[in-house]
């Protein structure tokens, strides 16, 4: 991968960074010049990704913390630690999320509430904790990882559809708030289709090849996304290249929403 320093000098905090999309996003930002803080409930996994990044990009490029995104107090502590370790905070990527299967009748209330807690409240708490630090490190950008499922519904994803749609609208509200406050802080959402991450394991039965083939048949381009497909989009939104883009949604759905 060619390194061009597209986010050189940026200081980024990525949630859900121990695996999947979060790990790919953290690596991408670090390779392009940012220092990154990786937060996850899986501390050992986050530390492993941080070590990999440091080995590739240099010592103290990456830091790892344990964070439950549903805990407002935990967010306050981790945002402060990340700001101290990175020397400020200019990028927040709200990536942590879950995708339970269930219809409006089959889904239990506990799962519904947990999905909202992680997918929506997590980004709410994170943004509130990060904004005071980001005010001191402008220009800044917040990237919320939503889903094409936030724009297109399925009968079997009641909680996931609702949570990702809520995150989409929360993104726009955050963007307008920052603009009204006169801040050079932007907020945009990313809406991927199926991506090759551990999240797929719980969605479709069969081997990995069987899962990918079944899901790819639903996508006009005929393939599922790689984690780097999503990470490149986050890289663009985190960079100053997208400085006129706020309150917008970036669809990475292989053409599904065009049907």
Protein backbone atom coordinates (compact mmCIF):
# COMPACT_ATOMS: atom_id res chain seq x y z
CA UNK A 1 0.00 0.00 0.00
CA UNK A 2 1.38 3.42 -0.99
CA UNK A 3 1.69 5.84 1.92
CA UNK A 4 1.06 9.47 1.01
CA UNK A 5 0.45 11.08 4.40
CA UNK A 6 -3.15 12.01 3.66
CA UNK A 7 -3.89 12.38 7.38
CA UNK A 8 -0.43 13.34 8.59
CA UNK A 9 -0.64 15.03 11.99
CA UNK A 10 -4.17 13.82 12.73
CA UNK A 11 -4.97 12.20 16.08
CA UNK A 12 -7.69 9.59 15.80
CA UNK A 13 -9.76 7.55 18.23
CA UNK A 14 -11.39 4.44 16.72
CA UNK A 15 -13.93 2.35 18.63
CA UNK A 16 -14.44 -1.34 18.02
CA UNK A 17 -10.85 -1.43 16.84
CA UNK A 18 -9.82 -4.90 17.98
CA UNK A 19 -10.95 -6.59 14.78
CA UNK A 20 -12.85 -6.20 11.52
CA UNK A 21 -13.61 -2.75 10.20
CA UNK A 22 -12.21 -0.95 13.25
CA UNK A 23 -8.83 -2.64 12.97
CA UNK A 24 -8.68 -1.92 9.23
CA UNK A 25 -9.59 1.73 9.81
CA UNK A 26 -6.95 2.14 12.53
CA UNK A 27 -4.28 0.60 10.29
CA UNK A 28 -5.29 2.73 7.32
CA UNK A 29 -5.17 5.99 9.28
CA UNK A 30 -1.81 5.10 10.85
CA UNK A 31 -0.28 4.17 7.50
CA UNK A 32 -1.36 7.54 6.15
CA UNK A 33 0.28 9.52 8.94
CA UNK A 34 -2.15 9.66 11.86
CA UNK A 35 -1.55 8.57 15.42
CA UNK A 36 -4.37 6.31 16.57
CA UNK A 37 -6.08 5.29 19.78
CA UNK A 38 -7.85 1.94 19.57
CA UNK A 39 -10.72 1.39 21.98
CA UNK A 40 -12.60 -1.87 22.43
CA UNK A 41 -14.17 -4.03 25.14
CA UNK A 42 -11.60 -6.60 24.00
CA UNK A 43 -8.45 -5.00 25.41
CA UNK A 44 -6.14 -7.86 24.40
CA UNK A 45 -7.35 -7.61 20.81
CA UNK A 46 -6.93 -3.83 20.77
CA UNK A 47 -3.41 -4.15 22.19
CA UNK A 48 -2.51 -6.69 19.50
CA UNK A 49 -3.62 -4.31 16.73
CA UNK A 50 -1.71 -1.45 18.37
CA UNK A 51 1.47 -3.55 18.49
CA UNK A 52 1.08 -4.44 14.82
CA UNK A 53 0.66 -0.78 13.91
CA UNK A 54 3.68 0.28 15.98
CA UNK A 55 5.80 -2.43 14.36
CA UNK A 56 4.87 -1.14 10.92
CA UNK A 57 4.60 2.62 11.49
CA UNK A 58 6.86 3.32 14.45
CA UNK A 59 6.75 3.33 18.23
CA UNK A 60 3.91 5.23 19.91
CA UNK A 61 1.89 5.49 16.72
CA UNK A 62 -0.92 3.48 18.32
CA UNK A 63 -2.40 3.13 21.80
CA UNK A 64 -5.00 0.70 23.11
CA UNK A 65 -7.67 1.06 25.76
CA UNK A 66 -10.54 -0.97 27.12
CA UNK A 67 -13.84 0.83 26.54
CA UNK A 68 -17.47 -0.14 26.85
CA UNK A 69 -19.06 2.44 24.54
CA UNK A 70 -22.32 2.29 26.51
CA UNK A 71 -20.60 3.73 29.60
CA UNK A 72 -20.57 7.56 29.65
CA UNK A 73 -18.06 7.71 32.51
CA UNK A 74 -15.77 5.30 30.69
CA UNK A 75 -15.96 7.49 27.61
CA UNK A 76 -14.86 10.53 29.62
CA UNK A 77 -11.84 8.68 30.96
CA UNK A 78 -10.76 7.19 27.64
CA UNK A 79 -11.24 10.40 25.67
CA UNK A 80 -9.00 12.19 28.18
CA UNK A 81 -6.36 9.43 28.06
CA UNK A 82 -6.39 9.36 24.27
CA UNK A 83 -6.06 13.13 24.13
CA UNK A 84 -3.07 13.01 26.48
CA UNK A 85 -1.34 10.11 24.71
CA UNK A 86 -1.93 11.44 21.20
CA UNK A 87 -1.36 15.10 21.99
CA UNK A 88 -4.94 16.05 21.19
CA UNK A 89 -7.89 14.57 19.33
CA UNK A 90 -8.95 15.57 15.82
CA UNK A 91 -10.69 12.44 14.47
CA UNK A 92 -13.36 10.27 16.10
CA UNK A 93 -14.55 7.09 14.38
CA UNK A 94 -17.65 5.63 16.03
CA UNK A 95 -17.38 2.11 14.67
CA UNK A 96 -18.36 -0.21 17.54
CA UNK A 97 -21.59 -2.04 16.79
CA UNK A 98 -23.55 -5.28 16.86
CA UNK A 99 -25.97 -6.81 14.34
CA UNK A 100 -28.48 -9.17 15.97
CA UNK A 101 -30.97 -11.04 13.83
CA UNK A 102 -34.63 -10.72 14.77
CA UNK A 103 -38.01 -9.51 13.57
CA UNK A 104 -40.21 -7.10 15.48
CA UNK A 105 -41.98 -10.14 16.96
CA UNK A 106 -39.07 -12.52 17.56
CA UNK A 107 -36.59 -10.01 18.98
CA UNK A 108 -36.50 -9.80 22.77
CA UNK A 109 -36.52 -6.42 24.50
CA UNK A 110 -33.10 -6.92 26.06
CA UNK A 111 -31.47 -7.42 22.65
CA UNK A 112 -33.34 -4.43 21.22
CA UNK A 113 -32.10 -2.19 24.03
CA UNK A 114 -28.54 -3.50 23.88
CA UNK A 115 -28.42 -2.84 20.13
CA UNK A 116 -29.55 0.74 20.66
CA UNK A 117 -27.14 1.16 23.59
CA UNK A 118 -24.13 0.15 21.52
CA UNK A 119 -25.00 1.33 18.01
CA UNK A 120 -26.64 4.66 18.86
CA UNK A 121 -25.94 5.63 22.46
CA UNK A 122 -22.28 4.65 22.03
CA UNK A 123 -21.84 7.25 19.30
CA UNK A 124 -23.83 9.81 21.33
CA UNK A 125 -21.63 9.34 24.40
CA UNK A 126 -18.47 9.28 22.29
CA UNK A 127 -19.27 12.49 20.49
CA UNK A 128 -20.12 14.30 23.72
CA UNK A 129 -16.84 13.13 25.29
CA UNK A 130 -14.71 13.91 22.25
CA UNK A 131 -16.02 17.34 21.22
CA UNK A 132 -14.34 19.35 24.02
CA UNK A 133 -10.97 17.89 22.96
CA UNK A 134 -11.70 18.29 19.27
CA UNK A 135 -12.43 21.98 19.78
CA UNK A 136 -8.76 22.32 20.71
CA UNK A 137 -7.49 20.38 17.65
CA UNK A 138 -9.44 21.82 14.73
CA UNK A 139 -10.00 21.01 11.94
CA UNK A 140 -11.68 17.87 13.13
CA UNK A 141 -13.96 15.18 11.81
CA UNK A 142 -16.35 12.61 13.23
CA UNK A 143 -17.12 9.51 11.17
CA UNK A 144 -20.03 7.31 12.19
CA UNK A 145 -20.06 3.80 10.75
CA UNK A 146 -23.70 3.19 9.94
CA UNK A 147 -24.81 0.63 7.35
CA UNK A 148 -26.78 0.34 4.14
CA UNK A 149 -29.23 -1.35 6.53
CA UNK A 150 -29.83 2.11 7.96
CA UNK A 151 -31.24 3.17 4.60
CA UNK A 152 -32.83 -0.06 3.34
CA UNK A 153 -34.85 -2.30 5.64
CA UNK A 154 -35.05 -6.06 6.08
CA UNK A 155 -37.76 -8.02 7.87
CA UNK A 156 -35.14 -9.84 9.99
CA UNK A 157 -33.08 -6.88 11.25
CA UNK A 158 -35.57 -4.79 13.21
CA UNK A 159 -33.10 -3.55 15.84
CA UNK A 160 -30.15 -3.23 13.48
CA UNK A 161 -32.17 -1.32 10.85
CA UNK A 162 -33.59 1.03 13.46
CA UNK A 163 -30.25 1.64 15.20
CA UNK A 164 -28.30 2.33 12.01
CA UNK A 165 -31.03 4.65 10.74
CA UNK A 166 -30.91 6.51 14.06
CA UNK A 167 -27.13 6.82 13.75
CA UNK A 168 -27.58 8.24 10.25
CA UNK A 169 -29.86 11.00 11.57
CA UNK A 170 -27.70 11.59 14.65
CA UNK A 171 -24.81 12.22 12.25
CA UNK A 172 -26.71 15.02 10.55
CA UNK A 173 -27.71 16.60 13.85
CA UNK A 174 -24.09 16.56 15.06
CA UNK A 175 -22.93 18.10 11.78
CA UNK A 176 -25.44 20.94 11.99
CA UNK A 177 -24.66 21.55 15.66
CA UNK A 178 -20.94 21.90 14.97
CA UNK A 179 -21.57 24.20 12.02
CA UNK A 180 -23.93 26.39 14.05
CA UNK A 181 -21.31 26.63 16.79
CA UNK A 182 -18.82 27.90 14.22
CA UNK A 183 -16.57 24.86 14.67
CA UNK A 184 -14.38 23.45 11.94
CA UNK A 185 -15.55 19.98 12.91
CA UNK A 186 -17.42 17.88 10.37
CA UNK A 187 -19.55 14.78 10.86
CA UNK A 188 -20.46 12.22 8.19
CA UNK A 189 -21.72 8.65 8.08
CA UNK A 190 -20.51 5.62 6.13
CA UNK A 191 -23.00 3.00 4.94
CA UNK A 192 -21.35 -0.28 3.93
CA UNK A 193 -22.97 -3.37 2.53
CA UNK A 194 -21.87 -6.84 3.73
CA UNK A 195 -18.15 -6.75 4.53
CA UNK A 196 -15.69 -9.57 5.16
CA UNK A 197 -15.54 -9.28 8.95
CA UNK A 198 -16.34 -11.61 11.89
CA UNK A 199 -19.79 -9.99 12.03
CA UNK A 200 -20.81 -12.12 9.03
CA UNK A 201 -20.26 -15.34 10.96
CA UNK A 202 -23.50 -14.82 12.87
CA UNK A 203 -25.56 -13.79 9.85
CA UNK A 204 -25.27 -16.68 7.41
CA UNK A 205 -24.65 -20.38 7.98
CA UNK A 206 -22.05 -22.39 6.08
CA UNK A 207 -18.39 -22.08 5.30
CA UNK A 208 -16.76 -18.73 4.69
CA UNK A 209 -16.82 -19.25 0.92
CA UNK A 210 -20.48 -20.29 1.03
CA UNK A 211 -21.42 -17.24 3.11
CA UNK A 212 -19.59 -14.84 0.82
CA UNK A 213 -21.09 -16.37 -2.32
CA UNK A 214 -24.63 -16.19 -0.94
CA UNK A 215 -24.27 -12.57 0.15
CA UNK A 216 -22.48 -11.54 -3.05
CA UNK A 217 -25.48 -12.67 -5.10
CA UNK A 218 -27.50 -9.89 -3.46
CA UNK A 219 -25.05 -7.17 -4.55
CA UNK A 220 -25.08 -5.80 -8.12
CA UNK A 221 -21.27 -5.67 -8.24
CA UNK A 222 -21.25 -9.36 -7.35
CA UNK A 223 -18.90 -9.18 -4.37
CA UNK A 224 -18.90 -8.26 -0.71
CA UNK A 225 -16.71 -5.47 0.61
CA UNK A 226 -13.27 -5.90 2.10
CA UNK A 227 -12.46 -4.06 5.33
CA UNK A 228 -10.08 -1.81 3.39
CA UNK A 229 -12.92 -0.78 1.04
CA UNK A 230 -14.53 0.81 4.08
CA UNK A 231 -11.27 2.07 5.57
CA UNK A 232 -10.46 4.02 2.40
CA UNK A 233 -13.77 5.85 2.72
CA UNK A 234 -13.01 6.72 6.35
CA UNK A 235 -9.57 7.91 5.28
CA UNK A 236 -11.16 10.35 2.83
CA UNK A 237 -13.61 11.65 5.43
CA UNK A 238 -10.86 11.99 8.05
CA UNK A 239 -8.64 13.92 5.67
CA UNK A 240 -8.87 17.59 4.73
CA UNK A 241 -9.73 16.45 1.19
CA UNK A 242 -13.36 16.24 2.33
CA UNK A 243 -13.42 19.63 4.06
CA UNK A 244 -16.70 20.69 2.37
CA UNK A 245 -18.48 17.45 3.26
CA UNK A 246 -20.56 17.37 6.42
CA UNK A 247 -23.92 15.91 7.37
CA UNK A 248 -23.59 13.55 4.41
CA UNK A 249 -23.79 9.80 3.94
CA UNK A 250 -21.29 7.80 1.91
CA UNK A 251 -22.83 4.60 0.53
CA UNK A 252 -20.49 1.67 -0.09
CA UNK A 253 -23.17 -0.80 -1.06
CA UNK A 254 -22.09 -2.24 -4.39
CA UNK A 255 -25.20 -0.77 -6.03
CA UNK A 256 -27.88 -2.26 -3.76
CA UNK A 257 -29.57 1.09 -3.10
CA UNK A 258 -29.74 1.82 -6.85
CA UNK A 259 -32.09 -1.12 -7.45
